[in-house]
Amino acid sequence: MPPSSLTAFWRVLRTPAGAHVFNPWTDVDAGTDVHADAPAARRARLAAHLDTTVKVILVGEAPGYQGCHVSGIPFTSERLILAGSIPRVPGDGSRLSSRHIPWSEPSATTVWGTLYQLGIAERTVLWNAYPWHPYRPGNLQSNRTPTPAERLRGVPVLQALLDAFPRARVFAVGRTAEASMRDAGRPAEALRHPSMGGAAAFRSQLKAALQPDP
């Protein structure tokens, strides 16, 4: 992958996200970030995550306050990084949050556990249809579904990422991701989102999709 292929992605990722939306790679959360350099650290983690020969891209819905908001990588919690479970991201004990217990996210645990079980963790990139973290007004540590207008503003970021990895097999995880993939004019295979009781369906659908044809 040529280094310039992600130039457009990094540019549009810094687009102002709007009201009641947190951009993990440009914004500081004074309530949980340990220092003002947290956005730069999250950019470095994301860059490391993207630095591979990508075979599979899983596109989720939006960052959450327990995961990407802190870690800088979609479907990834601080706890998993500290455990050394994320390829190319050092589990060196350094933290970006001041929370007494590292943040953990059920969907992140399910996704990475499945990727390792299927032997594709090293060649998979994770992203979100809406790239920034939408939260309820007045509460950064909350989640909400992006509005239709917000979701459309995130499509150029999604397109730029997919353009950087044109040979990857793309899966849309959840209905928001499916809608954004349609808006981007990109084909994607649909998977159940692992949240809200969908973990078993997510695992079985991804496993079935990746099995070679008889």
Protein backbone atom coordinates (compact mmCIF):
# COMPACT_ATOMS: atom_id res chain seq x y z
CA MET A 1 0.00 0.00 0.00
CA PRO A 2 1.67 3.29 -1.02
CA PRO A 3 2.00 5.79 1.86
CA SER A 4 0.04 8.43 -0.09
CA SER A 5 -3.06 6.24 -0.40
CA LEU A 6 -4.43 7.37 2.98
CA THR A 7 -3.76 11.09 2.48
CA ALA A 8 -7.37 11.88 1.56
CA PHE A 9 -8.64 9.77 4.45
CA TRP A 10 -6.61 11.65 7.06
CA ARG A 11 -7.72 14.97 5.60
CA VAL A 12 -11.46 14.30 5.68
CA LEU A 13 -11.23 12.56 9.06
CA ARG A 14 -10.34 15.96 10.56
CA THR A 15 -13.51 17.58 9.17
CA PRO A 16 -15.44 19.39 11.94
CA ALA A 17 -17.99 16.87 13.14
CA GLY A 18 -20.71 19.21 14.40
CA ALA A 19 -22.62 19.67 17.66
CA HIS A 20 -22.80 16.85 20.21
CA VAL A 21 -20.19 14.86 18.29
CA PHE A 22 -16.67 13.99 19.51
CA ASN A 23 -13.82 13.46 17.05
CA PRO A 24 -11.38 11.10 18.84
CA TRP A 25 -8.49 12.10 16.55
CA THR A 26 -8.77 15.88 17.00
CA ASP A 27 -10.71 16.48 20.23
CA VAL A 28 -9.68 16.23 23.88
CA ASP A 29 -12.10 14.82 26.46
CA ALA A 30 -11.08 16.68 29.61
CA GLY A 31 -13.15 14.28 31.70
CA THR A 32 -11.20 11.14 30.80
CA ASP A 33 -8.14 11.92 28.64
CA VAL A 34 -4.94 11.87 30.68
CA HIS A 35 -3.22 14.59 28.65
CA ALA A 36 -3.76 17.08 25.84
CA ASP A 37 -1.78 14.90 23.43
CA ALA A 38 -4.43 12.15 23.53
CA PRO A 39 -5.77 12.92 20.01
CA ALA A 40 -2.25 12.59 18.55
CA ALA A 41 -1.80 9.29 20.39
CA ARG A 42 -5.11 8.06 19.00
CA ARG A 43 -4.03 9.07 15.48
CA ALA A 44 -0.81 7.10 15.95
CA ARG A 45 -2.75 4.04 17.09
CA LEU A 46 -5.12 4.28 14.14
CA ALA A 47 -2.21 4.66 11.73
CA ALA A 48 -0.62 1.52 13.16
CA HIS A 49 -3.91 -0.35 12.84
CA LEU A 50 -4.16 0.61 9.15
CA ASP A 51 -0.54 -0.31 8.39
CA THR A 52 -1.07 -3.80 6.99
CA THR A 53 -1.99 -5.71 3.86
CA VAL A 54 -5.75 -5.59 4.30
CA LYS A 55 -7.88 -8.58 3.32
CA VAL A 56 -11.07 -7.77 5.25
CA ILE A 57 -12.72 -4.51 6.36
CA LEU A 58 -15.49 -4.59 8.94
CA VAL A 59 -17.57 -1.40 8.89
CA GLY A 60 -19.53 -0.80 12.08
CA GLU A 61 -22.00 1.91 12.97
CA ALA A 62 -20.35 4.66 15.07
CA PRO A 63 -17.69 4.98 17.80
CA GLY A 64 -18.82 4.47 21.39
CA TYR A 65 -17.68 6.14 24.59
CA GLN A 66 -16.30 2.86 25.97
CA GLY A 67 -14.32 2.02 22.86
CA CYS A 68 -13.08 4.15 19.98
CA HIS A 69 -13.74 7.42 21.85
CA VAL A 70 -10.82 6.49 24.11
CA SER A 71 -8.78 3.99 22.09
CA GLY A 72 -8.82 5.66 18.66
CA ILE A 73 -9.57 2.36 16.90
CA PRO A 74 -13.12 1.20 16.06
CA PHE A 75 -14.40 -1.91 17.85
CA THR A 76 -11.42 -1.64 20.21
CA SER A 77 -11.34 -0.99 23.94
CA GLU A 78 -8.56 0.29 26.16
CA ARG A 79 -8.58 -3.02 28.02
CA LEU A 80 -7.81 -4.99 24.85
CA ILE A 81 -4.92 -2.67 23.95
CA LEU A 82 -3.42 -3.00 27.43
CA ALA A 83 -3.72 -6.79 27.13
CA GLY A 84 -1.64 -6.70 23.93
CA SER A 85 -4.54 -8.11 21.92
CA ILE A 86 -4.49 -5.59 19.06
CA PRO A 87 -2.02 -6.31 16.21
CA ARG A 88 0.57 -3.59 15.55
CA VAL A 89 -0.56 -1.53 18.58
CA PRO A 90 1.86 -1.83 21.52
CA GLY A 91 0.35 -3.13 24.74
CA ASP A 92 3.04 -1.32 26.71
CA GLY A 93 0.86 -0.30 29.64
CA SER A 94 0.49 3.33 28.57
CA ARG A 95 -3.04 4.64 28.98
CA LEU A 96 -4.97 7.50 27.44
CA SER A 97 -7.76 7.56 30.02
CA SER A 98 -7.78 8.49 33.71
CA ARG A 99 -10.53 6.01 34.60
CA HIS A 100 -9.48 3.82 37.53
CA ILE A 101 -10.50 0.71 35.58
CA PRO A 102 -9.56 0.57 31.87
CA TRP A 103 -12.54 1.01 29.58
CA SER A 104 -14.00 -2.22 28.21
CA GLU A 105 -16.63 -2.70 25.50
CA PRO A 106 -18.58 -5.95 24.90
CA SER A 107 -18.73 -5.52 21.10
CA ALA A 108 -14.96 -4.99 20.95
CA THR A 109 -14.34 -8.21 22.87
CA THR A 110 -16.67 -10.13 20.56
CA VAL A 111 -15.19 -8.74 17.34
CA TRP A 112 -11.53 -9.28 18.20
CA GLY A 113 -12.21 -12.71 19.69
CA THR A 114 -13.92 -13.71 16.44
CA LEU A 115 -11.11 -12.33 14.28
CA TYR A 116 -8.56 -14.37 16.18
CA GLN A 117 -10.71 -17.50 16.06
CA LEU A 118 -10.95 -17.16 12.29
CA GLY A 119 -7.25 -16.41 11.89
CA ILE A 120 -7.78 -13.02 10.20
CA ALA A 121 -6.91 -10.56 12.98
CA GLU A 122 -3.61 -9.54 11.36
CA ARG A 123 -5.21 -8.69 8.02
CA THR A 124 -8.46 -7.05 9.12
CA VAL A 125 -9.17 -3.32 9.40
CA LEU A 126 -12.05 -1.99 11.49
CA TRP A 127 -13.95 1.19 10.71
CA ASN A 128 -17.33 2.85 11.28
CA ALA A 129 -19.95 4.10 8.83
CA TYR A 130 -20.20 7.28 10.91
CA PRO A 131 -16.59 7.96 11.89
CA TRP A 132 -17.08 10.23 14.92
CA HIS A 133 -18.68 9.63 18.32
CA PRO A 134 -22.24 11.01 18.64
CA TYR A 135 -23.27 11.59 22.26
CA ARG A 136 -26.29 12.87 24.13
CA PRO A 137 -26.11 16.63 24.81
CA GLY A 138 -24.20 17.36 28.00
CA ASN A 139 -22.86 13.82 28.45
CA LEU A 140 -19.70 12.83 26.56
CA GLN A 141 -19.82 9.41 28.21
CA SER A 142 -22.97 8.37 26.38
CA ASN A 143 -23.94 7.05 22.96
CA ARG A 144 -26.67 7.91 20.51
CA THR A 145 -27.52 6.93 16.95
CA PRO A 146 -26.23 9.43 14.37
CA THR A 147 -28.96 11.37 12.60
CA PRO A 148 -29.48 10.79 8.86
CA ALA A 149 -27.77 14.12 8.11
CA GLU A 150 -24.81 13.24 10.34
CA ARG A 151 -24.48 9.84 8.74
CA LEU A 152 -24.29 11.43 5.29
CA ARG A 153 -21.52 13.77 6.47
CA GLY A 154 -19.50 10.71 7.38
CA VAL A 155 -19.76 9.08 3.95
CA PRO A 156 -16.72 10.89 2.44
CA VAL A 157 -14.53 9.51 5.24
CA LEU A 158 -15.84 6.01 4.56
CA GLN A 159 -15.24 6.41 0.84
CA ALA A 160 -11.68 7.62 1.40
CA LEU A 161 -10.86 4.62 3.57
CA LEU A 162 -12.32 2.14 1.09
CA ASP A 163 -10.44 3.83 -1.76
CA ALA A 164 -7.19 3.18 0.12
CA PHE A 165 -7.88 -0.58 0.25
CA PRO A 166 -9.61 -1.39 -3.06
CA ARG A 167 -8.91 -5.13 -2.91
CA ALA A 168 -10.31 -5.71 0.57
CA ARG A 169 -13.48 -7.69 1.17
CA VAL A 170 -15.94 -5.38 2.93
CA PHE A 171 -18.59 -6.33 5.49
CA ALA A 172 -21.27 -3.97 6.83
CA VAL A 173 -21.86 -4.69 10.53
CA GLY A 174 -25.34 -3.47 11.40
CA ARG A 175 -28.02 -1.54 9.54
CA THR A 176 -26.43 1.88 9.87
CA ALA A 177 -23.35 0.51 8.15
CA GLU A 178 -25.48 -1.08 5.43
CA ALA A 179 -27.20 2.26 4.75
CA SER A 180 -23.91 4.15 4.58
CA MET A 181 -22.40 1.60 2.23
CA ARG A 182 -25.38 2.10 -0.08
CA ASP A 183 -24.94 5.87 0.14
CA ALA A 184 -21.26 5.43 -0.74
CA GLY A 185 -22.21 3.28 -3.74
CA ARG A 186 -20.09 0.40 -2.47
CA PRO A 187 -21.06 -3.26 -2.29
CA ALA A 188 -20.75 -4.90 1.11
CA GLU A 189 -21.81 -8.14 2.72
CA ALA A 190 -24.18 -7.66 5.67
CA LEU A 191 -23.50 -9.00 9.16
CA ARG A 192 -25.53 -8.81 12.36
CA HIS A 193 -24.10 -6.29 14.81
CA PRO A 194 -22.72 -8.09 17.88
CA SER A 195 -24.47 -5.78 20.37
CA MET A 196 -27.94 -6.36 21.83
CA GLY A 197 -27.72 -10.14 21.75
CA GLY A 198 -26.21 -10.37 18.28
CA ALA A 199 -22.79 -11.82 19.18
CA ALA A 200 -23.54 -15.42 18.20
CA ALA A 201 -25.11 -14.38 14.89
CA PHE A 202 -22.16 -12.09 14.11
CA ARG A 203 -19.66 -14.90 14.73
CA SER A 204 -21.55 -17.50 12.74
CA GLN A 205 -22.28 -15.19 9.79
CA LEU A 206 -18.68 -14.02 9.44
CA LYS A 207 -17.37 -17.57 9.74
CA ALA A 208 -19.80 -18.80 7.08
CA ALA A 209 -18.95 -15.92 4.75
CA LEU A 210 -15.23 -16.62 4.94
CA GLN A 211 -15.45 -20.36 4.42
CA PRO A 212 -14.29 -21.38 0.93
CA ASP A 213 -16.96 -22.53 -1.48
CA PRO A 214 -17.20 -26.33 -1.76
